[in-house]
Amino acid sequence: RLEMRDFGVKVSIIEPGYFKTNITNVENLEGNFIAMWEKLPEDTKASYGEDYLKGFSGMLKTLQKLFNTNLALVTNCMEHALTSRYPRARYSAGWDAKLLYIPLSYLPSALADAV
């Protein structure tokens, strides 16, 4: 964003939370993760353990319940960034981006990592 400023290009960053899309489709993610898991050497699988694989799948299924389905929140940010006379430097779309990720960005790294 700052590198482009010297060339007269205004860049706005859109930071969406989790939305229900094909990218966040749990079945696709889980399938890709299992395919990568199966390609790992046995010693690497042993290092992580089968519980890691099961925990990851469980986490995805839990998170999916929180995914936002209103993609208009993202496209509205895009529209504002493209058409506004004074677009913002950053846009956060979704409740999780506003209530979780923005506050986390202000915390010290060690504390954010713990959260």
Protein backbone atom coordinates (compact mmCIF):
# COMPACT_ATOMS: atom_id res chain seq x y z
CA ARG A 1 0.00 0.00 0.00
CA LEU A 2 2.73 2.45 0.97
CA GLU A 3 5.00 1.45 -1.91
CA MET A 4 2.31 2.35 -4.44
CA ARG A 5 1.65 5.75 -2.87
CA ASP A 6 4.73 7.24 -4.57
CA PHE A 7 3.24 6.31 -7.94
CA GLY A 8 -0.06 8.05 -7.18
CA VAL A 9 -1.90 4.78 -6.64
CA LYS A 10 -4.29 4.63 -3.70
CA VAL A 11 -4.56 1.11 -2.29
CA SER A 12 -7.28 0.01 0.09
CA ILE A 13 -6.97 -3.24 2.01
CA ILE A 14 -10.09 -5.33 2.51
CA GLU A 15 -9.74 -7.72 5.43
CA PRO A 16 -12.76 -10.01 5.55
CA GLY A 17 -13.54 -12.41 8.33
CA TYR A 18 -14.72 -15.92 7.59
CA PHE A 19 -17.45 -16.17 4.98
CA LYS A 20 -19.17 -19.24 3.59
CA THR A 21 -17.66 -19.66 0.11
CA ASN A 22 -16.15 -22.46 -1.96
CA ILE A 23 -12.77 -21.55 -0.49
CA THR A 24 -14.00 -22.17 3.05
CA ASN A 25 -16.05 -25.26 2.16
CA VAL A 26 -15.23 -27.71 4.96
CA GLU A 27 -15.50 -30.81 2.79
CA ASN A 28 -13.02 -29.36 0.26
CA LEU A 29 -10.63 -28.18 2.97
CA GLU A 30 -10.81 -31.48 4.81
CA GLY A 31 -10.28 -33.43 1.59
CA ASN A 32 -7.24 -31.33 0.66
CA PHE A 33 -5.82 -31.66 4.14
CA ILE A 34 -6.25 -35.45 4.15
CA ALA A 35 -4.66 -35.69 0.67
CA MET A 36 -1.63 -33.73 1.93
CA TRP A 37 -1.54 -35.82 5.11
CA GLU A 38 -1.39 -39.04 3.10
CA LYS A 39 1.62 -37.73 1.15
CA LEU A 40 3.61 -36.96 4.30
CA PRO A 41 6.48 -39.21 5.35
CA GLU A 42 5.59 -41.56 8.21
CA ASP A 43 7.99 -39.85 10.63
CA THR A 44 6.25 -36.51 10.05
CA LYS A 45 2.83 -38.08 10.59
CA ALA A 46 4.14 -39.63 13.79
CA SER A 47 5.45 -36.25 14.96
CA TYR A 48 2.03 -34.67 14.59
CA GLY A 49 -0.04 -37.72 15.47
CA GLU A 50 -3.48 -38.82 14.35
CA ASP A 51 -5.06 -36.58 17.00
CA TYR A 52 -3.74 -33.55 15.09
CA LEU A 53 -5.63 -34.65 11.98
CA LYS A 54 -8.83 -35.32 13.91
CA GLY A 55 -8.52 -32.04 15.84
CA PHE A 56 -8.09 -30.06 12.65
CA SER A 57 -11.20 -31.63 11.11
CA GLY A 58 -13.19 -30.97 14.27
CA MET A 59 -12.04 -27.36 14.39
CA LEU A 60 -13.12 -26.83 10.77
CA LYS A 61 -16.58 -28.20 11.47
CA THR A 62 -16.95 -25.98 14.55
CA LEU A 63 -15.76 -22.87 12.72
CA GLN A 64 -18.09 -23.53 9.80
CA LYS A 65 -21.06 -22.79 12.05
CA LEU A 66 -19.68 -19.27 12.55
CA PHE A 67 -19.04 -18.48 8.87
CA ASN A 68 -20.99 -15.48 7.63
CA THR A 69 -23.25 -16.06 4.62
CA ASN A 70 -23.80 -12.39 3.75
CA LEU A 71 -21.15 -11.78 1.08
CA ALA A 72 -22.63 -8.32 0.50
CA LEU A 73 -20.59 -7.16 3.51
CA VAL A 74 -17.42 -7.80 1.48
CA THR A 75 -18.71 -6.50 -1.83
CA ASN A 76 -20.00 -3.33 -0.13
CA CYS A 77 -16.47 -2.69 1.14
CA MET A 78 -15.13 -3.26 -2.35
CA GLU A 79 -17.70 -0.92 -3.85
CA HIS A 80 -16.90 1.80 -1.32
CA ALA A 81 -13.17 1.43 -1.89
CA LEU A 82 -13.62 1.72 -5.67
CA THR A 83 -16.21 4.49 -5.85
CA SER A 84 -15.57 6.69 -2.81
CA ARG A 85 -13.86 10.01 -3.28
CA TYR A 86 -11.89 9.33 -0.09
CA PRO A 87 -11.62 5.56 0.33
CA ARG A 88 -10.34 4.18 3.62
CA ALA A 89 -6.94 2.56 3.93
CA ARG A 90 -8.49 -0.56 5.49
CA TYR A 91 -11.89 -2.18 5.46
CA SER A 92 -12.98 -4.97 7.77
CA ALA A 93 -15.93 -7.06 6.65
CA GLY A 94 -17.81 -9.32 9.03
CA TRP A 95 -18.34 -9.38 12.77
CA ASP A 96 -15.33 -11.62 13.39
CA ALA A 97 -13.00 -9.24 11.58
CA LYS A 98 -14.28 -6.29 13.58
CA LEU A 99 -14.59 -7.91 17.00
CA LEU A 100 -11.72 -10.37 16.92
CA TYR A 101 -9.02 -9.60 14.37
CA ILE A 102 -8.81 -5.83 14.79
CA PRO A 103 -8.45 -6.01 18.60
CA LEU A 104 -5.97 -8.88 18.23
CA SER A 105 -3.82 -6.75 15.94
CA TYR A 106 -3.28 -4.26 18.79
CA LEU A 107 -2.17 -6.87 21.32
CA PRO A 108 1.46 -7.82 21.85
CA SER A 109 2.36 -10.81 19.67
CA ALA A 110 2.81 -13.18 22.60
CA LEU A 111 -0.66 -12.37 23.94
CA ALA A 112 -2.28 -12.58 20.48
CA ASP A 113 -0.60 -15.96 19.93
CA ALA A 114 -2.05 -17.22 23.21
CA VAL A 115 -5.56 -16.10 22.21
